[in-house]
C-alpha atoms as a PDB file:
ATOM      1  CA  MET A   1    -125.168 182.115 141.494  1.00  0.00           C
ATOM      2  CA  ALA A   2    -122.592 183.027 144.122  1.00  0.00           C
ATOM      3  CA  TYR A   3    -123.830 183.748 147.629  1.00  0.00           C
ATOM      4  CA  ALA A   4    -121.913 185.176 150.585  1.00  0.00           C
ATOM      5  CA  ALA A   5    -122.904 186.778 153.878  1.00  0.00           C
ATOM      6  CA  ILE A   6    -121.689 187.927 157.269  1.00  0.00           C
ATOM      7  CA  VAL A   7    -124.159 186.624 159.857  1.00  0.00           C
ATOM      8  CA  ASN A   8    -124.788 187.128 163.576  1.00  0.00           C
ATOM      9  CA  GLU A   9    -126.694 183.910 164.225  1.00  0.00           C
ATOM     10  CA  VAL A  10    -125.838 180.209 164.055  1.00  0.00           C
ATOM     11  CA  ILE A  11    -125.060 179.208 160.463  1.00  0.00           C
ATOM     12  CA  ASP A  12    -127.772 177.015 158.929  1.00  0.00           C
ATOM     13  CA  VAL A  13    -125.555 174.460 157.162  1.00  0.00           C
ATOM     14  CA  PRO A  14    -128.407 172.490 155.498  1.00  0.00           C
ATOM     15  CA  ALA A  15    -129.926 175.693 154.070  1.00  0.00           C
ATOM     16  CA  LEU A  16    -126.546 176.860 152.787  1.00  0.00           C
ATOM     17  CA  THR A  17    -125.863 173.431 151.269  1.00  0.00           C
ATOM     18  CA  GLU A  18    -129.246 173.472 149.536  1.00  0.00           C
ATOM     19  CA  ARG A  19    -128.160 176.619 147.641  1.00  0.00           C
ATOM     20  CA  VAL A  20    -125.499 174.616 145.746  1.00  0.00           C
ATOM     21  CA  SER A  21    -127.233 171.242 145.441  1.00  0.00           C
ATOM     22  CA  GLY A  22    -128.583 171.721 141.917  1.00  0.00           C
ATOM     23  CA  VAL A  23    -129.701 168.799 139.770  1.00  0.00           C
ATOM     24  CA  ASP A  24    -126.618 169.143 137.541  1.00  0.00           C
ATOM     25  CA  ASN A  25    -124.168 168.899 140.438  1.00  0.00           C
ATOM     26  CA  GLY A  26    -122.721 165.481 141.186  1.00  0.00           C
ATOM     27  CA  ALA A  27    -120.641 166.697 144.124  1.00  0.00           C
ATOM     28  CA  VAL A  28    -121.134 168.999 147.087  1.00  0.00           C
ATOM     29  CA  CYS A  29    -118.140 169.861 149.248  1.00  0.00           C
ATOM     30  CA  VAL A  30    -118.733 171.423 152.667  1.00  0.00           C
ATOM     31  CA  PHE A  31    -116.081 173.050 154.855  1.00  0.00           C
ATOM     32  CA  ILE A  32    -117.047 173.953 158.415  1.00  0.00           C
ATOM     33  CA  GLY A  33    -114.593 175.920 160.536  1.00  0.00           C
ATOM     34  CA  GLN A  34    -115.456 175.507 164.199  1.00  0.00           C
ATOM     35  CA  VAL A  35    -114.191 176.722 167.552  1.00  0.00           C
ATOM     36  CA  ARG A  36    -111.624 174.335 169.019  1.00  0.00           C
ATOM     37  CA  ARG A  37    -110.601 173.962 172.658  1.00  0.00           C
ATOM     38  CA  ASN A  38    -106.831 174.404 172.282  1.00  0.00           C
ATOM     39  CA  SER A  39    -104.935 176.948 170.207  1.00  0.00           C
ATOM     40  CA  ARG A  40    -101.259 177.869 170.289  1.00  0.00           C
ATOM     41  CA  GLY A  41    -100.773 175.873 173.495  1.00  0.00           C
ATOM     42  CA  ARG A  42    -103.585 177.662 175.338  1.00  0.00           C
ATOM     43  CA  GLU A  43    -107.017 176.481 176.385  1.00  0.00           C
ATOM     44  CA  VAL A  44    -109.726 178.503 174.636  1.00  0.00           C
ATOM     45  CA  ALA A  45    -112.948 179.364 176.484  1.00  0.00           C
ATOM     46  CA  TYR A  46    -114.670 180.973 173.474  1.00  0.00           C
ATOM     47  CA  LEU A  47    -113.965 183.140 170.418  1.00  0.00           C
ATOM     48  CA  GLU A  48    -115.163 186.561 169.375  1.00  0.00           C
ATOM     49  CA  TYR A  49    -115.134 187.530 165.712  1.00  0.00           C
ATOM     50  CA  GLN A  50    -115.444 191.101 164.489  1.00  0.00           C
ATOM     51  CA  ALA A  51    -115.704 192.354 160.928  1.00  0.00           C
ATOM     52  CA  TYR A  52    -116.233 195.459 158.911  1.00  0.00           C
ATOM     53  CA  ALA A  53    -119.366 193.794 157.561  1.00  0.00           C
ATOM     54  CA  PRO A  54    -119.976 195.732 154.298  1.00  0.00           C
ATOM     55  CA  MET A  55    -116.400 195.253 153.109  1.00  0.00           C
ATOM     56  CA  ALA A  56    -116.164 191.676 154.403  1.00  0.00           C
ATOM     57  CA  ALA A  57    -119.395 190.640 152.659  1.00  0.00           C
ATOM     58  CA  LYS A  58    -118.205 192.209 149.411  1.00  0.00           C
ATOM     59  CA  GLN A  59    -114.868 190.367 149.615  1.00  0.00           C
ATOM     60  CA  LEU A  60    -116.582 187.058 150.430  1.00  0.00           C
ATOM     61  CA  LEU A  61    -118.845 187.467 147.406  1.00  0.00           C
ATOM     62  CA  ARG A  62    -115.887 188.301 145.178  1.00  0.00           C
ATOM     63  CA  ILE A  63    -114.097 185.135 146.335  1.00  0.00           C
ATOM     64  CA  ALA A  64    -117.216 183.043 145.661  1.00  0.00           C
ATOM     65  CA  GLU A  65    -117.605 184.563 142.186  1.00  0.00           C
ATOM     66  CA  GLU A  66    -113.934 183.963 141.353  1.00  0.00           C
ATOM     67  CA  ALA A  67    -114.268 180.301 142.340  1.00  0.00           C
ATOM     68  CA  GLU A  68    -117.469 179.896 140.336  1.00  0.00           C
ATOM     69  CA  THR A  69    -115.752 181.277 137.249  1.00  0.00           C
ATOM     70  CA  LYS A  70    -112.555 179.239 137.615  1.00  0.00           C
ATOM     71  CA  TRP A  71    -114.127 175.877 138.539  1.00  0.00           C
ATOM     72  CA  SER A  72    -117.596 176.098 136.894  1.00  0.00           C
ATOM     73  CA  CYS A  73    -119.337 175.525 140.207  1.00  0.00           C
ATOM     74  CA  GLU A  74    -121.808 177.083 142.642  1.00  0.00           C
ATOM     75  CA  VAL A  75    -120.498 178.610 145.888  1.00  0.00           C
ATOM     76  CA  GLY A  76    -122.062 179.700 149.163  1.00  0.00           C
ATOM     77  CA  ILE A  77    -120.081 181.231 152.036  1.00  0.00           C
ATOM     78  CA  GLU A  78    -121.221 182.444 155.447  1.00  0.00           C
ATOM     79  CA  HIS A  79    -118.964 183.784 158.192  1.00  0.00           C
ATOM     80  CA  ARG A  80    -120.388 184.417 161.620  1.00  0.00           C
ATOM     81  CA  VAL A  81    -119.432 187.337 163.863  1.00  0.00           C
ATOM     82  CA  GLY A  82    -119.898 187.781 167.593  1.00  0.00           C
ATOM     83  CA  ARG A  83    -119.272 185.302 170.395  1.00  0.00           C
ATOM     84  CA  MET A  84    -118.915 181.608 169.573  1.00  0.00           C
ATOM     85  CA  GLU A  85    -118.643 178.744 172.022  1.00  0.00           C
ATOM     86  CA  LEU A  86    -116.598 175.559 171.601  1.00  0.00           C
ATOM     87  CA  CYS A  87    -117.704 173.421 168.632  1.00  0.00           C
ATOM     88  CA  GLU A  88    -119.828 176.193 167.102  1.00  0.00           C
ATOM     89  CA  ALA A  89    -119.262 176.926 163.413  1.00  0.00           C
ATOM     90  CA  SER A  90    -117.608 180.250 162.650  1.00  0.00           C
ATOM     91  CA  VAL A  91    -117.421 179.833 158.869  1.00  0.00           C
ATOM     92  CA  VAL A  92    -119.042 177.539 156.315  1.00  0.00           C
ATOM     93  CA  VAL A  93    -118.084 177.200 152.653  1.00  0.00           C
ATOM     94  CA  VAL A  94    -120.216 175.015 150.386  1.00  0.00           C
ATOM     95  CA  VAL A  95    -119.415 174.220 146.764  1.00  0.00           C
ATOM     96  CA  GLY A  96    -121.541 172.292 144.300  1.00  0.00           C
ATOM     97  CA  SER A  97    -120.090 171.127 140.991  1.00  0.00           C
ATOM     98  CA  ARG A  98    -120.479 168.450 138.354  1.00  0.00           C
ATOM     99  CA  HIS A  99    -117.464 166.525 139.681  1.00  0.00           C
ATOM    100  CA  ARG A 100    -115.706 166.168 143.045  1.00  0.00           C
ATOM    101  CA  ALA A 101    -112.272 167.457 141.982  1.00  0.00           C
ATOM    102  CA  GLN A 102    -113.658 170.896 141.131  1.00  0.00           C
ATOM    103  CA  ALA A 103    -115.716 170.984 144.333  1.00  0.00           C
ATOM    104  CA  PHE A 104    -112.716 170.161 146.540  1.00  0.00           C
ATOM    105  CA  GLU A 105    -110.382 172.601 144.760  1.00  0.00           C
ATOM    106  CA  ALA A 106    -112.891 175.455 144.786  1.00  0.00           C
ATOM    107  CA  CYS A 107    -113.751 174.893 148.452  1.00  0.00           C
ATOM    108  CA  ARG A 108    -110.068 174.903 149.457  1.00  0.00           C
ATOM    109  CA  HIS A 109    -109.462 178.040 147.397  1.00  0.00           C
ATOM    110  CA  CYS A 110    -112.390 179.845 149.048  1.00  0.00           C
ATOM    111  CA  ILE A 111    -111.376 179.166 152.654  1.00  0.00           C
ATOM    112  CA  ASP A 112    -107.676 179.853 152.023  1.00  0.00           C
ATOM    113  CA  THR A 113    -108.404 183.094 150.153  1.00  0.00           C
ATOM    114  CA  LEU A 114    -110.941 184.194 152.778  1.00  0.00           C
ATOM    115  CA  LYS A 115    -108.247 183.921 155.462  1.00  0.00           C
ATOM    116  CA  GLU A 116    -105.923 186.142 153.392  1.00  0.00           C
ATOM    117  CA  ARG A 117    -108.267 188.836 152.075  1.00  0.00           C
ATOM    118  CA  VAL A 118    -111.385 189.305 154.181  1.00  0.00           C
ATOM    119  CA  PRO A 119    -111.356 191.916 157.003  1.00  0.00           C
ATOM    120  CA  ILE A 120    -112.476 189.640 159.836  1.00  0.00           C
ATOM    121  CA  TRP A 121    -110.686 189.631 163.194  1.00  0.00           C
ATOM    122  CA  LYS A 122    -110.613 186.819 165.742  1.00  0.00           C
ATOM    123  CA  LYS A 123    -110.104 187.167 169.480  1.00  0.00           C
ATOM    124  CA  GLU A 124    -109.374 184.024 171.483  1.00  0.00           C
ATOM    125  CA  VAL A 125    -110.634 184.330 175.043  1.00  0.00           C
ATOM    126  CA  CYS A 126    -108.709 182.042 177.399  1.00  0.00           C
ATOM    127  CA  PRO A 127    -108.684 181.600 181.183  1.00  0.00           C
ATOM    128  CA  ASP A 128    -105.282 183.364 181.261  1.00  0.00           C
ATOM    129  CA  GLY A 129    -106.192 186.306 179.009  1.00  0.00           C
ATOM    130  CA  SER A 130    -107.498 187.372 175.615  1.00  0.00           C
ATOM    131  CA  PHE A 131    -105.516 187.356 172.383  1.00  0.00           C
ATOM    132  CA  TRP A 132    -106.203 188.922 168.976  1.00  0.00           C
ATOM    133  CA  ILE A 133    -105.129 186.483 166.275  1.00  0.00           C
ATOM    134  CA  GLU A 134    -103.682 187.435 162.911  1.00  0.00           C
ATOM    135  CA  GLY A 135    -102.332 184.546 160.884  1.00  0.00           C
ATOM    136  CA  GLU A 136     -99.930 182.675 163.130  1.00  0.00           C
ATOM    137  CA  GLU A 137     -99.393 185.663 165.434  1.00  0.00           C
ATOM    138  CA  ALA A 138    -101.244 186.211 168.714  1.00  0.00           C
ATOM    139  CA  ILE A 139    -101.296 189.618 170.405  1.00  0.00           C
ATOM    140  CA  GLU A 140    -102.414 189.748 174.022  1.00  0.00           C
ATOM    141  CA  VAL A 141    -105.288 192.199 174.455  1.00  0.00           C
ATOM    142  CA  SER A 142    -103.445 193.970 177.292  1.00  0.00           C
ATOM    143  CA  ASP A 143    -100.579 194.653 174.825  1.00  0.00           C
ATOM    144  CA  VAL A 144    -102.826 196.467 172.344  1.00  0.00           C
ATOM    145  CA  PRO A 145    -102.384 200.252 172.568  1.00  0.00           C
ATOM    146  CA  ARG A 146    -105.512 202.043 173.714  1.00  0.00           C
ATOM    147  CA  GLU A 147    -106.743 205.199 172.037  1.00  0.00           C
ATOM    148  CA  THR A 148    -106.875 208.229 174.269  1.00  0.00           C
ATOM    149  CA  GLY A 149    -109.036 211.273 173.759  1.00  0.00           C
ATOM    150  CA  SER A 150    -107.389 214.641 173.225  1.00  0.00           C
END
């Protein structure tokens, strides 16, 4: 049964993996997205993720269910929000299936589709400034228009 969640705490990879490690599964594929030191030529100090949690969780679950249907597998996805330091996991996708090909394909589909459809926003905080990231584009925080009261 598909599982997906937006979490505030460190992702428990073994617990998430256990959800898809059924006795009929001969393969478990795990993808861990973690905070890296360099991005777009800049040194990253840490990341901050924000999400509209109810909608994001619903979209994550839909992606997991789609993969389960297409590849006859079991899927678990957790995406963390808040501040994350270097090497901390921001997203984990686990897929259990009878055979490795389905597990790899479903896992790749889940992470790629998550990046396209789920309302989660990433801010890279660097020594020289902060940047909101969308796809391959980075927008410096100081360039973002501020709302003013009327």
